[in-house]
Amino acid sequence: MARKKQLDIDVGPLDSDLSEKDRSHYELVCSICHCEFDIGCEGGIEGYLGILPVALCPMCYAGLDEFFTQLHGCNDAEELD
C-alpha cells in the first residue's frame, strides 16, 4: 500500500507574521492596482474573501464603495423619505 504524500501548505499572507498582535502600521499591496500603502496611516481595508487574502488601498476601496452604492441605489433621495 502506497503512502499518501502530505502537503505543507500555509494559509494567509506569506510575508506577515500571523501571531503579531499590533497590525496597525504595516504596508500592504493593493489587490486591484498593486500599489503599496500603509493601512495605519492612509486607511484602506484588508481581510479574506473565503481563503483568499485581499487588501484594498483607500482609492480602490472608495471606488468600490461608490460603485456598490450606485449599483444598489443607496443614495436615492426617494428611498430616504
C-alpha atoms as a PDB file:
ATOM      1  CA  MET A   1       0.000   0.000   0.000  1.00  0.00           C
ATOM      2  CA  ALA A   2       1.441   3.360  -1.056  1.00  0.00           C
ATOM      3  CA  ARG A   3       1.625   6.179   1.449  1.00  0.00           C
ATOM      4  CA  LYS A   4      -0.118   9.436   0.644  1.00  0.00           C
ATOM      5  CA  LYS A   5       2.092  12.448   0.239  1.00  0.00           C
ATOM      6  CA  GLN A   6       1.448  15.127   2.856  1.00  0.00           C
ATOM      7  CA  LEU A   7       1.489  18.736   1.625  1.00  0.00           C
ATOM      8  CA  ASP A   8       2.868  21.568   3.726  1.00  0.00           C
ATOM      9  CA  ILE A   9       0.515  24.480   2.945  1.00  0.00           C
ATOM     10  CA  ASP A  10       0.424  27.856   4.699  1.00  0.00           C
ATOM     11  CA  VAL A  11      -2.835  29.789   4.615  1.00  0.00           C
ATOM     12  CA  GLY A  12      -2.691  33.589   4.554  1.00  0.00           C
ATOM     13  CA  PRO A  13      -0.087  36.147   3.580  1.00  0.00           C
ATOM     14  CA  LEU A  14       3.347  34.564   3.483  1.00  0.00           C
ATOM     15  CA  ASP A  15       5.258  37.750   4.296  1.00  0.00           C
ATOM     16  CA  SER A  16       3.430  38.648   7.523  1.00  0.00           C
ATOM     17  CA  ASP A  17       3.550  37.088  10.956  1.00  0.00           C
ATOM     18  CA  LEU A  18       0.013  35.965  11.855  1.00  0.00           C
ATOM     19  CA  SER A  19       0.838  35.894  15.566  1.00  0.00           C
ATOM     20  CA  GLU A  20       1.664  39.624  15.516  1.00  0.00           C
ATOM     21  CA  LYS A  21      -0.805  41.451  17.790  1.00  0.00           C
ATOM     22  CA  ASP A  22      -0.384  45.094  16.699  1.00  0.00           C
ATOM     23  CA  ARG A  23      -1.041  45.214  12.957  1.00  0.00           C
ATOM     24  CA  SER A  24      -1.943  48.923  12.830  1.00  0.00           C
ATOM     25  CA  HIS A  25       1.111  50.098  10.852  1.00  0.00           C
ATOM     26  CA  TYR A  26       2.302  47.860   8.093  1.00  0.00           C
ATOM     27  CA  GLU A  27       2.499  48.095   4.340  1.00  0.00           C
ATOM     28  CA  LEU A  28       0.255  46.122   2.064  1.00  0.00           C
ATOM     29  CA  VAL A  29      -0.077  45.760  -1.709  1.00  0.00           C
ATOM     30  CA  CYS A  30      -3.492  46.549  -3.187  1.00  0.00           C
ATOM     31  CA  SER A  31      -5.167  43.563  -4.828  1.00  0.00           C
ATOM     32  CA  ILE A  32      -6.550  45.750  -7.651  1.00  0.00           C
ATOM     33  CA  CYS A  33      -3.982  48.394  -8.604  1.00  0.00           C
ATOM     34  CA  HIS A  34      -0.914  46.768  -6.959  1.00  0.00           C
ATOM     35  CA  CYS A  35       0.247  49.973  -5.263  1.00  0.00           C
ATOM     36  CA  GLU A  36       1.881  49.816  -1.829  1.00  0.00           C
ATOM     37  CA  PHE A  37       0.018  51.539   1.008  1.00  0.00           C
ATOM     38  CA  ASP A  38       0.263  51.844   4.777  1.00  0.00           C
ATOM     39  CA  ILE A  39      -3.078  50.837   6.225  1.00  0.00           C
ATOM     40  CA  GLY A  40      -2.371  52.596   9.532  1.00  0.00           C
ATOM     41  CA  CYS A  41      -1.601  55.997   8.010  1.00  0.00           C
ATOM     42  CA  GLU A  42      -3.588  56.039   4.772  1.00  0.00           C
ATOM     43  CA  GLY A  43      -6.527  53.779   5.509  1.00  0.00           C
ATOM     44  CA  GLY A  44      -7.898  51.098   3.243  1.00  0.00           C
ATOM     45  CA  ILE A  45      -9.079  47.639   4.151  1.00  0.00           C
ATOM     46  CA  GLU A  46      -7.649  44.140   4.303  1.00  0.00           C
ATOM     47  CA  GLY A  47      -9.035  40.739   5.081  1.00  0.00           C
ATOM     48  CA  TYR A  48     -10.086  37.497   3.448  1.00  0.00           C
ATOM     49  CA  LEU A  49     -12.671  36.575   0.829  1.00  0.00           C
ATOM     50  CA  GLY A  50     -13.081  32.968   1.833  1.00  0.00           C
ATOM     51  CA  ILE A  51      -9.465  31.815   1.965  1.00  0.00           C
ATOM     52  CA  LEU A  52      -8.111  34.458  -0.431  1.00  0.00           C
ATOM     53  CA  PRO A  53      -6.192  37.326   1.187  1.00  0.00           C
ATOM     54  CA  VAL A  54      -7.417  40.701  -0.131  1.00  0.00           C
ATOM     55  CA  ALA A  55      -6.165  44.236   0.511  1.00  0.00           C
ATOM     56  CA  LEU A  56      -7.604  47.435  -0.967  1.00  0.00           C
ATOM     57  CA  CYS A  57      -5.871  50.809  -0.948  1.00  0.00           C
ATOM     58  CA  PRO A  58      -8.012  53.827   0.025  1.00  0.00           C
ATOM     59  CA  MET A  59      -8.582  54.826  -3.625  1.00  0.00           C
ATOM     60  CA  CYS A  60      -9.765  51.374  -4.769  1.00  0.00           C
ATOM     61  CA  TYR A  61     -11.824  50.895  -1.608  1.00  0.00           C
ATOM     62  CA  ALA A  62     -13.585  54.248  -2.132  1.00  0.00           C
ATOM     63  CA  GLY A  63     -14.153  53.414  -5.808  1.00  0.00           C
ATOM     64  CA  LEU A  64     -15.727  50.031  -4.998  1.00  0.00           C
ATOM     65  CA  ASP A  65     -17.844  51.621  -2.255  1.00  0.00           C
ATOM     66  CA  GLU A  66     -19.163  54.217  -4.715  1.00  0.00           C
ATOM     67  CA  PHE A  67     -19.752  51.511  -7.329  1.00  0.00           C
ATOM     68  CA  PHE A  68     -21.877  49.405  -4.973  1.00  0.00           C
ATOM     69  CA  THR A  69     -23.718  52.480  -3.656  1.00  0.00           C
ATOM     70  CA  GLN A  70     -24.775  53.449  -7.184  1.00  0.00           C
ATOM     71  CA  LEU A  71     -25.496  49.845  -8.153  1.00  0.00           C
ATOM     72  CA  HIS A  72     -27.928  49.327  -5.290  1.00  0.00           C
ATOM     73  CA  GLY A  73     -29.395  52.847  -5.380  1.00  0.00           C
ATOM     74  CA  CYS A  74     -28.483  53.630  -1.776  1.00  0.00           C
ATOM     75  CA  ASN A  75     -28.040  57.342  -2.498  1.00  0.00           C
ATOM     76  CA  ASP A  76     -31.522  57.927  -3.982  1.00  0.00           C
ATOM     77  CA  ALA A  77     -33.485  60.664  -2.148  1.00  0.00           C
ATOM     78  CA  GLU A  78     -36.776  58.803  -2.768  1.00  0.00           C
ATOM     79  CA  GLU A  79     -35.659  55.832  -0.689  1.00  0.00           C
ATOM     80  CA  LEU A  80     -34.620  58.040   2.229  1.00  0.00           C
ATOM     81  CA  ASP A  81     -38.121  59.535   2.659  1.00  0.00           C
END
